[in-house]
Protein backbone atom coordinates (compact mmCIF):
# COMPACT_ATOMS: atom_id res chain seq x y z
CA ALA A 1 30.35 27.92 7.38
CA PRO A 2 31.73 31.47 6.91
CA LEU A 3 31.82 32.68 3.34
CA ALA A 4 35.62 33.17 3.22
CA PRO A 5 36.54 29.48 3.71
CA ARG A 6 33.91 28.55 1.16
CA LEU A 7 35.42 30.96 -1.34
CA GLY A 8 38.79 29.41 -0.62
CA ARG A 9 37.43 25.96 -1.40
CA CYS A 10 35.89 27.34 -4.60
CA ARG A 11 39.24 28.79 -5.68
CA ARG A 12 41.15 25.61 -4.87
CA ALA A 13 38.65 23.51 -6.79
CA ASP A 14 38.78 25.94 -9.71
CA SER A 15 42.58 25.94 -9.70
CA ALA A 16 42.67 22.14 -9.83
CA GLU A 17 40.17 22.14 -12.67
CA ARG A 18 42.25 24.63 -14.66
CA GLY A 19 45.31 22.46 -14.05
CA ARG A 20 43.60 19.43 -15.53
CA GLY A 21 42.23 21.53 -18.38
CA GLY A 22 45.74 22.94 -19.11
CA ALA A 23 47.20 19.48 -19.69
CA ALA A 24 44.55 18.70 -22.26
CA ALA A 25 44.86 22.13 -23.80
CA GLY A 26 48.50 21.52 -24.58
CA LEU A 27 47.28 19.23 -27.33
CA ALA A 28 44.56 21.58 -28.51
CA GLY A 29 46.66 24.75 -28.74
CA ALA A 30 46.68 28.17 -27.14
CA ALA A 31 43.15 29.01 -28.26
CA GLY A 32 41.81 25.98 -26.38
CA ARG A 33 43.67 27.07 -23.24
CA ARG A 34 42.14 30.52 -23.37
CA ARG A 35 38.64 29.08 -23.78
CA ARG A 36 39.14 26.74 -20.82
CA ARG A 37 40.41 29.58 -18.63
CA ARG A 38 37.35 31.67 -19.46
CA ARG A 39 35.08 28.75 -18.62
CA GLY A 40 37.03 28.15 -15.39
CA ARG A 41 36.57 31.77 -14.30
CA GLY A 42 32.83 31.48 -15.06
CA ALA A 43 32.63 28.29 -13.05
CA LEU A 44 34.38 30.02 -10.12
CA ARG A 45 31.86 32.84 -10.13
CA ALA A 46 28.91 30.45 -10.36
CA SER A 47 30.16 28.10 -7.64
CA CYS A 48 30.88 31.00 -5.27
CA ARG A 49 27.39 32.35 -5.82
CA GLY A 50 26.17 28.87 -4.84
CA ALA A 51 28.26 29.03 -1.66
CA GLN A 52 26.65 32.33 -0.71
CA GLY A 53 23.21 30.67 -0.94
CA GLY A 54 24.30 27.74 1.21
CA GLU A 55 23.22 29.15 4.56
CA GLU A 56 19.61 29.50 3.40
CA ALA A 57 19.55 25.97 2.01
CA GLN A 58 20.96 24.50 5.23
CA ALA A 59 18.29 26.32 7.23
CA GLN A 60 15.60 24.49 5.27
CA GLY A 61 17.23 21.09 5.66
CA LEU A 62 18.50 20.86 2.09
CA ARG A 63 22.17 20.96 1.19
CA PRO A 64 23.14 23.39 -1.60
CA ARG A 65 24.76 22.21 -4.81
CA GLY A 66 28.53 22.46 -5.05
CA GLY A 67 30.97 22.85 -2.17
CA GLY A 68 31.21 19.07 -1.67
CA GLY A 69 27.46 18.47 -1.56
CA GLY A 70 25.42 15.64 -2.99
CA GLY A 71 25.79 16.86 -6.55
CA GLY A 72 29.58 16.82 -6.40
CA ARG A 73 31.83 14.26 -8.06
CA GLN A 74 33.67 13.58 -4.82
CA GLY A 75 30.71 11.57 -3.53
CA LEU A 76 28.19 11.82 -0.75
CA THR A 77 28.92 12.15 2.93
CA PRO A 78 28.99 8.56 4.27
CA ARG A 79 26.08 7.50 6.45
CA ALA A 80 28.44 6.56 9.27
CA ALA A 81 30.01 10.03 9.25
CA ASP A 82 26.85 12.15 9.33
CA TYR A 83 23.53 10.45 8.73
CA SER A 84 21.49 13.64 8.65
CA LEU A 85 23.80 15.30 6.13
CA TRP A 86 23.88 12.11 4.04
CA TYR A 87 20.07 12.14 3.93
CA GLN A 88 19.98 15.73 2.68
CA GLU A 89 22.62 15.03 0.05
CA VAL A 90 20.80 11.95 -1.27
CA ILE A 91 17.69 14.08 -1.78
CA GLN A 92 19.65 16.80 -3.55
CA ALA A 93 21.68 14.43 -5.74
CA ALA A 94 18.58 12.48 -6.81
CA GLU A 95 16.72 15.75 -7.51
CA LEU A 96 13.79 14.79 -5.28
CA ALA A 97 13.26 18.18 -3.65
CA ASP A 98 14.79 21.64 -3.45
CA GLN A 99 14.82 24.57 -1.10
CA SER A 100 11.87 26.95 -1.07
CA PRO A 101 11.82 30.70 -0.52
CA VAL A 102 9.29 29.96 2.25
CA LYS A 103 11.07 28.85 5.42
CA GLY A 104 10.10 25.34 6.47
CA CYS A 105 8.58 24.42 3.10
CA MET A 106 10.12 22.45 0.24
CA VAL A 107 9.69 22.26 -3.51
CA ILE A 108 9.00 18.66 -4.54
CA ARG A 109 10.73 18.12 -7.88
CA PRO A 110 9.32 15.86 -10.63
CA THR A 111 11.21 12.73 -9.50
CA GLY A 112 10.10 13.21 -5.90
CA MET A 113 6.55 13.83 -7.05
CA ALA A 114 6.66 10.68 -9.19
CA LEU A 115 7.47 8.66 -6.06
CA TRP A 116 4.52 10.19 -4.22
CA ASP A 117 2.29 9.58 -7.25
CA ALA A 118 3.26 5.89 -7.27
CA LEU A 119 2.45 5.61 -3.57
CA ARG A 120 -0.77 7.53 -4.05
CA SER A 121 -1.90 5.19 -6.85
CA ALA A 122 -1.19 2.08 -4.79
CA LEU A 123 -2.96 3.51 -1.74
CA ASP A 124 -5.89 5.02 -3.60
CA GLU A 125 -6.78 1.68 -5.13
CA ARG A 126 -6.78 -0.03 -1.73
CA ILE A 127 -8.68 2.82 -0.05
CA LYS A 128 -11.45 2.58 -2.62
CA GLU A 129 -11.56 -1.20 -2.17
CA SER A 130 -12.28 -0.55 1.53
CA GLY A 131 -15.45 1.31 0.55
CA ALA A 132 -14.23 4.89 0.95
CA GLN A 133 -14.86 7.52 -1.72
CA ASN A 134 -12.64 10.49 -2.53
CA ALA A 135 -13.90 13.99 -1.72
CA TYR A 136 -12.41 17.42 -1.09
CA PHE A 137 -12.96 19.86 1.76
CA PRO A 138 -11.92 23.53 2.18
CA LEU A 139 -8.37 24.54 2.99
CA PHE A 140 -9.67 27.13 5.49
CA ILE A 141 -11.40 26.21 8.75
CA PRO A 142 -13.23 28.71 11.01
CA VAL A 143 -11.35 29.03 14.28
CA SER A 144 -14.55 28.29 16.20
CA PHE A 145 -14.66 24.81 14.66
CA LEU A 146 -11.30 23.91 16.17
CA SER A 147 -12.42 24.91 19.66
CA LYS A 148 -15.39 22.51 19.66
CA GLU A 149 -13.23 19.49 20.53
CA ALA A 150 -11.10 20.46 23.53
CA GLU A 151 -8.34 17.83 23.21
CA HIS A 152 -8.12 18.44 19.48
CA VAL A 153 -7.56 22.18 19.78
CA GLU A 154 -4.98 21.67 22.51
CA GLY A 155 -3.06 19.24 20.30
CA PHE A 156 -2.88 21.55 17.28
CA ALA A 157 -3.09 25.11 18.64
CA LYS A 158 0.66 25.76 18.60
CA GLU A 159 1.03 24.54 14.99
CA CYS A 160 -1.80 26.48 13.35
CA ALA A 161 -1.37 29.15 10.70
CA VAL A 162 -4.10 31.82 10.97
CA VAL A 163 -5.65 34.01 8.25
CA THR A 164 -6.98 37.31 9.62
CA HIS A 165 -7.49 39.50 6.51
CA HIS A 166 -8.95 38.94 3.06
CA ARG A 167 -7.19 41.77 1.22
CA LEU A 168 -3.87 43.61 0.94
CA ARG A 169 -3.19 47.26 0.13
CA SER A 170 -0.17 49.20 -1.09
CA THR A 171 1.88 51.00 1.50
CA GLU A 172 2.64 54.67 1.28
CA GLY A 173 4.85 55.16 -1.74
CA GLY A 174 3.60 51.95 -3.34
CA LYS A 175 6.81 49.97 -2.74
CA ALA A 176 5.30 47.22 -0.59
CA VAL A 177 2.00 45.75 0.52
CA GLU A 178 0.36 45.25 3.90
CA PRO A 179 -2.92 43.85 5.25
CA ASP A 180 -5.77 46.27 4.68
CA PRO A 181 -7.17 47.20 8.13
CA ASP A 182 -10.63 47.48 6.54
CA ALA A 183 -10.42 43.85 5.32
CA GLU A 184 -10.15 42.07 8.67
CA LEU A 185 -12.22 38.89 8.76
CA GLU A 186 -15.15 38.65 11.15
CA GLU A 187 -13.78 35.28 12.26
CA PRO A 188 -10.16 34.22 11.74
CA LEU A 189 -9.58 31.15 9.58
CA ILE A 190 -7.17 28.31 10.31
CA VAL A 191 -5.15 26.93 7.40
CA ARG A 192 -6.00 23.21 7.48
CA PRO A 193 -3.73 21.26 9.91
CA THR A 194 -6.12 18.28 9.59
CA SER A 195 -9.76 18.13 8.55
CA GLU A 196 -11.68 16.40 11.35
CA THR A 197 -13.57 19.54 12.37
CA MET A 198 -14.60 20.56 8.85
CA ILE A 199 -15.59 17.03 7.86
CA TRP A 200 -17.62 16.46 11.02
CA HIS A 201 -19.46 19.70 10.39
CA MET A 202 -20.48 18.23 7.02
CA PHE A 203 -21.23 14.77 8.45
CA GLN A 204 -23.80 16.46 10.70
CA LYS A 205 -25.65 17.51 7.53
CA TRP A 206 -25.28 14.21 5.70
CA ILE A 207 -26.10 11.64 8.39
CA MET A 208 -29.73 11.23 9.46
CA SER A 209 -30.50 7.51 9.66
CA TYR A 210 -28.73 4.18 10.12
CA ARG A 211 -29.30 3.77 6.38
CA ASP A 212 -26.69 6.54 5.82
CA LEU A 213 -24.04 4.48 7.62
CA PRO A 214 -21.27 3.61 7.33
CA LEU A 215 -20.10 6.83 5.69
CA LYS A 216 -16.50 6.69 4.44
CA VAL A 217 -14.66 9.55 2.72
CA ASN A 218 -11.02 10.11 1.82
CA GLN A 219 -9.24 13.32 0.88
CA TRP A 220 -5.90 13.83 -0.91
CA ALA A 221 -4.71 17.27 0.13
CA ASN A 222 -2.00 19.49 1.57
CA VAL A 223 -1.93 20.51 5.23
CA VAL A 224 -0.01 23.13 7.19
CA ARG A 225 1.52 22.58 10.62
CA TRP A 226 3.93 25.30 11.64
CA GLU A 227 6.99 23.24 12.49
CA LEU A 228 10.01 25.01 13.95
CA ARG A 229 12.58 22.33 13.08
CA THR A 230 12.06 20.91 9.61
CA ARG A 231 13.60 18.15 7.52
CA PRO A 232 12.58 17.46 3.89
CA PHE A 233 9.82 14.86 3.54
CA LEU A 234 10.02 13.95 7.25
CA ARG A 235 8.83 17.18 8.81
CA SER A 236 7.87 20.39 7.02
CA ALA A 237 5.46 23.25 7.53
CA GLU A 238 3.41 22.12 4.53
CA PHE A 239 3.12 18.54 3.34
CA LEU A 240 0.96 16.30 1.18
CA TRP A 241 -1.12 13.47 2.58
CA GLN A 242 -4.34 11.55 2.46
CA GLU A 243 -6.81 11.59 5.32
CA GLY A 244 -9.71 9.19 5.59
CA HIS A 245 -12.73 9.78 7.82
CA THR A 246 -15.54 7.34 8.60
CA ALA A 247 -18.72 7.25 10.66
CA HIS A 248 -20.34 4.03 11.92
CA ALA A 249 -23.37 2.79 13.79
CA THR A 250 -21.38 0.66 16.25
CA ARG A 251 -18.15 0.83 18.17
CA GLU A 252 -17.10 -2.59 16.92
CA GLU A 253 -17.45 -1.60 13.27
CA ALA A 254 -15.41 1.58 13.81
CA VAL A 255 -12.57 -0.25 15.57
CA GLU A 256 -12.57 -2.88 12.80
CA THR A 257 -12.24 -0.12 10.17
CA ALA A 258 -9.36 1.54 12.03
CA ARG A 259 -7.54 -1.81 12.20
CA GLN A 260 -8.34 -2.56 8.55
CA MET A 261 -6.75 0.69 7.37
CA LEU A 262 -3.68 0.05 9.51
CA ASP A 263 -3.31 -3.26 7.66
CA VAL A 264 -3.66 -1.43 4.33
CA TYR A 265 -0.80 0.91 5.26
CA ALA A 266 1.40 -1.96 6.44
CA ASP A 267 0.75 -3.90 3.22
CA VAL A 268 1.63 -0.92 1.01
CA CYS A 269 4.85 -0.33 2.95
CA ARG A 270 5.79 -3.98 2.54
CA ASP A 271 4.64 -4.62 -1.04
CA VAL A 272 5.47 -1.26 -2.64
CA LEU A 273 8.26 0.24 -0.51
CA ALA A 274 9.87 -3.10 0.53
CA MET A 275 9.74 -1.71 4.08
CA PRO A 276 8.54 -3.92 6.95
CA VAL A 277 6.78 -2.22 9.86
CA VAL A 278 5.64 -2.99 13.38
CA LYS A 279 1.90 -2.57 13.91
CA GLY A 280 0.85 -1.34 17.32
CA VAL A 281 -1.13 1.02 19.54
CA LYS A 282 0.24 4.32 20.78
CA SER A 283 0.53 5.00 24.50
CA PRO A 284 -1.96 7.54 25.91
CA THR A 285 0.86 10.13 25.91
CA GLU A 286 1.52 9.65 22.18
CA ARG A 287 -2.13 9.31 21.16
CA PHE A 288 -3.69 11.60 18.50
CA ALA A 289 -5.45 14.61 20.02
CA GLY A 290 -9.14 13.71 20.36
CA ALA A 291 -8.77 9.94 19.78
CA ASP A 292 -9.65 7.05 22.07
CA ASP A 293 -6.94 4.93 20.49
CA THR A 294 -4.23 5.55 17.90
CA PHE A 295 -2.95 2.61 15.88
CA THR A 296 0.44 3.09 14.26
CA ILE A 297 2.99 1.51 11.95
CA GLU A 298 6.62 2.00 13.00
CA ALA A 299 9.62 1.38 10.73
CA LEU A 300 13.31 1.08 11.64
CA MET A 301 15.76 3.18 9.65
CA GLN A 302 19.36 2.25 8.87
CA ASN A 303 20.75 4.45 11.65
CA GLY A 304 18.78 2.60 14.33
CA TRP A 305 16.07 5.26 14.74
CA ALA A 306 12.37 4.55 14.41
CA LEU A 307 10.03 6.42 12.10
CA GLN A 308 6.27 6.64 12.60
CA SER A 309 5.06 5.91 9.08
CA GLY A 310 1.27 6.02 9.30
CA THR A 311 -1.55 6.21 11.84
CA SER A 312 -5.17 5.12 12.10
CA HIS A 313 -7.32 6.53 14.89
CA PHE A 314 -10.39 5.20 16.65
CA LEU A 315 -12.10 8.46 17.62
CA GLY A 316 -14.88 6.95 19.69
CA GLN A 317 -17.84 9.36 19.84
CA ASN A 318 -15.76 12.45 20.70
CA PHE A 319 -16.25 14.32 17.43
CA ALA A 320 -19.82 13.07 17.03
CA LYS A 321 -20.72 14.64 20.38
CA ALA A 322 -18.75 17.83 19.70
CA PHE A 323 -20.56 18.36 16.37
CA ASP A 324 -23.85 16.72 17.39
CA VAL A 325 -23.73 14.01 14.72
CA THR A 326 -26.52 11.56 15.49
CA PHE A 327 -28.55 9.02 13.57
CA SER A 328 -31.90 7.35 14.02
CA ASP A 329 -31.31 3.64 14.61
CA ASP A 330 -33.60 0.79 13.50
CA ALA A 331 -35.61 1.23 16.74
CA ASN A 332 -36.06 4.94 15.88
CA GLN A 333 -33.78 6.01 18.75
CA GLN A 334 -31.22 8.80 18.33
CA GLN A 335 -27.62 7.64 18.73
CA HIS A 336 -24.23 9.30 18.30
CA VAL A 337 -22.11 7.76 15.57
CA TRP A 338 -18.70 6.13 16.11
CA ALA A 339 -15.74 7.43 14.15
CA THR A 340 -12.29 6.80 12.70
CA SER A 341 -9.68 8.84 10.88
CA TRP A 342 -6.47 7.63 9.25
CA GLY A 343 -3.66 9.00 7.13
CA VAL A 344 -0.18 8.76 5.65
CA SER A 345 1.89 11.52 4.13
CA THR A 346 4.96 12.36 2.06
CA ARG A 347 6.88 11.25 5.16
CA LEU A 348 6.77 7.82 3.50
CA VAL A 349 9.11 9.18 0.81
CA GLY A 350 11.60 10.00 3.56
CA ALA A 351 11.14 6.50 5.00
CA LEU A 352 11.82 5.03 1.57
CA ILE A 353 15.05 7.02 1.20
CA MET A 354 16.38 6.03 4.62
CA SER A 355 15.34 2.39 4.36
CA HIS A 356 17.32 1.43 1.25
CA SER A 357 19.71 4.14 0.04
CA ASP A 358 23.48 3.78 0.37
CA ASP A 359 26.61 5.92 0.30
CA SER A 360 26.38 6.15 -3.50
CA GLY A 361 22.90 7.70 -3.47
CA LEU A 362 19.25 6.79 -3.75
CA VAL A 363 18.17 3.14 -3.96
CA LEU A 364 14.59 2.53 -5.11
CA PRO A 365 12.58 -0.69 -4.90
CA PRO A 366 11.39 -1.44 -8.45
CA ALA A 367 7.72 -1.39 -7.43
CA VAL A 368 7.88 2.33 -6.67
CA ALA A 369 10.64 3.43 -9.08
CA PRO A 370 9.31 5.85 -11.75
CA THR A 371 11.89 4.39 -14.16
CA GLN A 372 12.70 0.74 -13.47
CA ALA A 373 15.35 0.35 -16.18
CA VAL A 374 17.28 2.73 -18.37
CA VAL A 375 18.99 1.71 -21.61
CA VAL A 376 22.19 3.56 -22.49
CA PRO A 377 23.13 3.01 -26.16
CA ILE A 378 26.91 3.14 -26.59
CA SER A 379 27.00 5.26 -29.73
CA PRO A 380 28.64 8.51 -30.84
CA GLY A 381 25.25 9.62 -32.14
CA PRO A 382 23.45 9.92 -35.48
CA ASP A 383 25.83 12.54 -36.93
CA LYS A 384 29.17 10.73 -36.73
CA GLN A 385 28.31 7.16 -37.80
CA PRO A 386 24.72 7.36 -39.05
CA GLU A 387 24.42 3.84 -40.51
CA GLN A 388 25.87 2.05 -37.49
CA HIS A 389 23.84 4.28 -35.17
CA ALA A 390 20.58 3.55 -37.01
CA GLU A 391 21.26 -0.19 -36.85
CA LEU A 392 22.05 0.00 -33.11
CA MET A 393 18.93 2.04 -32.33
CA ALA A 394 16.74 -0.43 -34.21
CA PHE A 395 18.24 -3.16 -32.02
CA VAL A 396 17.65 -1.09 -28.85
CA ASP A 397 14.07 -0.23 -29.83
CA ALA A 398 13.26 -3.92 -30.28
CA GLN A 399 14.58 -4.76 -26.79
CA VAL A 400 12.74 -1.84 -25.22
CA ALA A 401 9.49 -2.91 -26.92
CA SER A 402 9.87 -6.35 -25.34
CA MET A 403 10.42 -4.79 -21.91
CA ARG A 404 7.41 -2.52 -22.20
CA ALA A 405 5.27 -5.45 -23.29
CA ALA A 406 6.34 -7.17 -20.05
CA GLY A 407 5.20 -4.15 -18.03
CA VAL A 408 8.65 -2.70 -17.36
CA ARG A 409 8.90 1.09 -17.02
CA VAL A 410 11.94 1.67 -19.22
CA SER A 411 13.53 4.69 -20.88
CA ILE A 412 16.32 5.23 -23.43
CA ASP A 413 19.02 7.83 -22.81
CA THR A 414 19.56 9.58 -26.16
CA ARG A 415 21.75 12.43 -24.91
CA TRP A 416 24.59 11.92 -27.39
CA ASN A 417 26.47 14.94 -26.04
CA VAL A 418 26.95 13.14 -22.67
CA ARG A 419 29.41 10.28 -22.32
CA PRO A 420 28.23 6.90 -20.92
CA GLY A 421 30.26 7.27 -17.69
CA PRO A 422 28.48 10.40 -16.43
CA LYS A 423 25.14 8.83 -17.41
CA PHE A 424 25.83 5.75 -15.29
CA PHE A 425 26.91 8.01 -12.41
CA GLU A 426 23.68 10.01 -12.69
CA TYR A 427 21.41 6.97 -12.72
CA GLU A 428 23.23 5.48 -9.75
CA ARG A 429 22.57 8.68 -7.79
CA LYS A 430 18.92 8.67 -8.86
CA GLY A 431 18.37 5.06 -7.83
CA VAL A 432 17.25 3.56 -11.16
CA PRO A 433 17.11 -0.19 -10.37
CA LEU A 434 18.68 -1.49 -13.62
CA ARG A 435 21.15 0.18 -15.98
CA ILE A 436 21.43 -1.51 -19.38
CA GLU A 437 24.24 -0.98 -21.89
CA ALA A 438 23.93 -1.77 -25.59
CA GLY A 439 26.80 -1.11 -28.00
CA PRO A 440 27.72 -2.37 -31.48
CA ARG A 441 29.62 -5.35 -30.07
CA ASP A 442 26.69 -6.25 -27.80
CA MET A 443 24.37 -6.04 -30.77
CA ALA A 444 26.66 -8.34 -32.78
CA ALA A 445 26.74 -10.80 -29.86
CA GLY A 446 22.96 -10.63 -29.43
CA LYS A 447 23.08 -9.51 -25.79
CA LEU A 448 22.59 -6.66 -23.33
CA VAL A 449 24.90 -5.77 -20.44
CA VAL A 450 23.00 -5.15 -17.19
CA ALA A 451 24.05 -3.56 -13.87
CA ARG A 452 21.96 -3.67 -10.70
CA ARG A 453 21.69 -0.54 -8.56
CA THR A 454 21.97 -2.77 -5.50
CA GLY A 455 25.49 -3.84 -6.51
CA GLY A 456 27.24 -6.91 -7.82
CA ASP A 457 28.99 -7.59 -11.10
CA LYS A 458 27.51 -6.65 -14.43
CA PHE A 459 25.91 -9.55 -16.25
CA ASP A 460 24.76 -10.36 -19.78
CA LEU A 461 21.18 -11.06 -20.86
CA PRO A 462 20.34 -12.58 -24.24
CA ALA A 463 18.58 -10.09 -26.51
CA GLY A 464 15.33 -10.96 -28.24
CA GLU A 465 11.68 -11.50 -27.45
CA GLY A 466 12.41 -12.99 -24.03
CA VAL A 467 14.41 -10.06 -22.72
CA GLY A 468 11.34 -8.29 -21.32
CA GLY A 469 10.43 -11.26 -19.14
CA ALA A 470 14.04 -11.62 -18.00
CA ILE A 471 14.24 -7.96 -16.97
CA ALA A 472 10.89 -8.21 -15.16
CA ALA A 473 12.19 -11.26 -13.26
CA GLU A 474 15.34 -9.34 -12.28
CA LEU A 475 13.21 -6.50 -10.95
CA ASP A 476 11.05 -8.89 -8.92
CA ALA A 477 14.17 -10.49 -7.45
CA MET A 478 15.56 -7.07 -6.55
CA GLN A 479 12.29 -6.09 -4.83
CA GLY A 480 12.40 -9.29 -2.80
CA ALA A 481 16.07 -8.83 -1.88
CA LEU A 482 15.48 -5.28 -0.63
CA LEU A 483 12.53 -6.44 1.49
CA ALA A 484 14.55 -9.34 2.91
CA ALA A 485 17.42 -6.99 3.85
CA ALA A 486 15.01 -4.57 5.54
CA GLU A 487 13.31 -7.42 7.42
CA ALA A 488 16.67 -8.67 8.64
CA ARG A 489 17.56 -5.16 9.81
CA LEU A 490 14.29 -4.86 11.74
CA SER A 491 14.74 -8.30 13.31
CA ASP A 492 18.40 -7.77 14.18
CA GLY A 493 17.71 -4.23 15.41
CA THR A 494 14.99 -5.26 17.88
CA ARG A 495 16.06 -6.71 21.21
CA GLU A 496 14.03 -7.82 24.19
CA THR A 497 15.12 -6.93 27.70
CA ASP A 498 13.80 -6.81 31.26
CA SER A 499 16.49 -4.32 32.30
CA TYR A 500 16.14 -0.56 31.99
CA ALA A 501 19.87 -0.17 32.62
CA GLU A 502 20.64 -2.36 29.62
CA MET A 503 18.50 -0.19 27.34
CA ALA A 504 19.85 3.08 28.76
CA ASP A 505 23.47 1.91 28.41
CA ALA A 506 22.93 0.75 24.82
CA LEU A 507 21.34 4.07 23.86
CA ALA A 508 24.13 6.05 25.54
CA ALA A 509 26.80 3.94 23.83
CA ALA A 510 25.19 4.42 20.41
CA GLU A 511 24.96 8.17 20.91
CA GLY A 512 28.56 8.33 22.14
CA ALA A 513 29.75 6.42 19.09
CA GLY A 514 27.87 8.83 16.83
CA SER A 515 25.88 5.99 15.27
CA GLY A 516 22.49 7.46 16.10
CA GLY A 517 20.06 5.02 17.63
CA ALA A 518 20.54 1.58 19.10
CA GLY A 519 17.46 0.05 17.51
CA LEU A 520 14.22 -0.94 19.23
CA PHE A 521 13.71 -2.42 22.68
CA LEU A 522 10.75 -4.67 23.51
CA VAL A 523 10.15 -4.47 27.26
CA PRO A 524 7.49 -5.28 29.88
CA TRP A 525 5.88 -2.01 30.90
CA PHE A 526 3.53 -0.61 33.53
CA ASP A 527 1.65 2.21 31.82
CA ASP A 528 2.67 5.40 33.61
CA ALA A 529 2.89 8.79 31.87
CA ALA A 530 5.31 10.21 34.47
CA ALA A 531 7.70 7.27 34.06
CA GLU A 532 7.40 7.56 30.28
CA LYS A 533 8.47 11.20 30.48
CA SER A 534 11.36 10.39 32.79
CA ILE A 535 12.70 7.79 30.37
CA LYS A 536 12.43 10.26 27.50
CA ASP A 537 14.32 12.89 29.51
CA GLU A 538 17.01 10.40 30.52
CA THR A 539 17.55 8.54 27.23
CA LYS A 540 15.68 10.48 24.49
CA ALA A 541 13.79 7.22 23.77
CA THR A 542 10.02 7.11 23.56
CA ILE A 543 7.38 4.41 23.44
CA ARG A 544 6.92 3.82 19.73
CA CYS A 545 3.94 1.54 20.31
CA PHE A 546 2.47 -1.40 22.16
CA PRO A 547 2.97 -4.06 19.43
CA LEU A 548 -0.31 -5.75 18.57
CA GLY A 549 1.11 -9.25 18.42
CA GLU A 550 3.03 -9.10 21.71
CA GLN A 551 0.54 -7.99 24.37
CA HIS A 552 -0.28 -11.47 25.66
CA ARG A 553 3.33 -11.78 26.81
CA ALA A 554 2.99 -9.04 29.45
CA GLU A 555 1.04 -11.30 31.79
CA GLY A 556 3.00 -12.34 34.88
CA ARG A 557 5.94 -10.00 34.19
CA VAL A 558 7.11 -6.86 35.96
CA CYS A 559 7.83 -3.46 34.46
CA PHE A 560 11.46 -3.03 33.45
CA TYR A 561 11.47 0.50 34.91
CA SER A 562 9.21 0.57 37.98
CA GLY A 563 9.05 -3.08 39.01
CA LYS A 564 5.25 -2.94 39.08
CA PRO A 565 3.15 -5.65 37.40
CA ALA A 566 3.37 -5.10 33.64
CA THR A 567 0.28 -3.88 31.80
CA HIS A 568 1.79 -3.95 28.30
CA MET A 569 4.72 -5.01 26.20
CA ALA A 570 6.16 -1.72 24.94
CA LEU A 571 8.53 -0.95 22.09
CA PHE A 572 10.98 1.83 22.97
CA GLY A 573 13.42 3.59 20.68
CA ARG A 574 14.74 6.92 19.51
CA ALA A 575 12.72 8.36 16.64
CA PHE A 576 12.66 11.03 13.98
């Protein structure tokens, strides 16, 4: 938006604020009015400076504060009005991420990082249970490594960031810096887009005999893929992820590992994120560069679009042959190993946001929420009524101790300079599952007043030793309710059809209505890359996967697009 209309909005908002402040100042006297006017003028200057920075924030997929954004009192943009804008505002209002001075990159704020940490802990435990060990490999990869696997380099070449010099020098006049021509690298280095090539270079050193197999490593790292169109958490130039890599003596063992890790990802999505997924195999067109098969988990977002949420690849012997990774088998014969790789990223945070959040802000399943419950003491603070305050805080501390003993992640809001109303508003935006009030009358009645982030009337819980167990039970019930709602959405949003026209019409109607996607379509399909491209061009829908549990149903049916005998059951849909 041009700056002038934004300034106009700033002035109108400031004028209204001064009008409200003037009414109150009539009671406080002329001095109060003058102070409020000075503060109003300061607020105008600050909010207009924020408007000037808005263009840059929008370019990075994050909405700036002020000007009606997520941090404003007037509320978020409704999902039905603009789903993409709503998503950005939820992130901003919940303080999950912020704009970065580097185009295409984001700053993950402490709350956003706490969500990733919770996911990382849940995944790391399961990854180690599978037999993999954590390791770390260099951020920089020689460009020659990437060219060893032809399909791999073709898949990533357009996304790679390249380092060509190892030193800078001052320009003439000393006002800037530039690459030093004398510091050009002998071989350019790629900033890690994924680590298959580096890890397989090391596997060649580490694997000699069948006794060295299976070899399973996992890495928690950042990667860089130079995306042109970015969206926070879903697609950015730099993101955080884990990538697992394994080598095996047999094909069967490698495929079993790839399937096992897909199950791990699906379980974490279900148990931690309360997000059901469809497990399947990617079509050859959508397959990972250099893989024989790509297994995937696909989730359905509230706007009817799919989101690829994790992948596990059976790599065959492609990388083993490219990097000459062989082992001596028990008959003393040299064999190439079989391989897998698998990973999920901070994209799961985006999936979490879009799966459960509402028009009031972020909604977090308790299993992943950094703070599961917050207690807001209703007190003027220790300075105004010290004896009553001390008695109330002793009561609150006892209830919080019971909650912590029951394993609840709970905090107490002791900001006495902030009224309860704004606190409740803040925690609603940030998605804290339970908000708990405790005032002098509640203390006298021996109870707490509880509000669920998912809605419904406030309710009372008896205070005392049993309150921790009661709060834990409420959190478990909330986790189950969020999962049930997401499962119903996936079930209701998936339809089966034998008619291409039916799918195309439904997708066109959804786009015309501005509602985004029309959900997922399970169809009989004859595998044909040209037909797949035509459907994408015509409807913007792609094959999300061939669902693992549905393939037996393709037998005896004809393709919904070509009329040829079906080879698969395919799941189509629009996707992020």
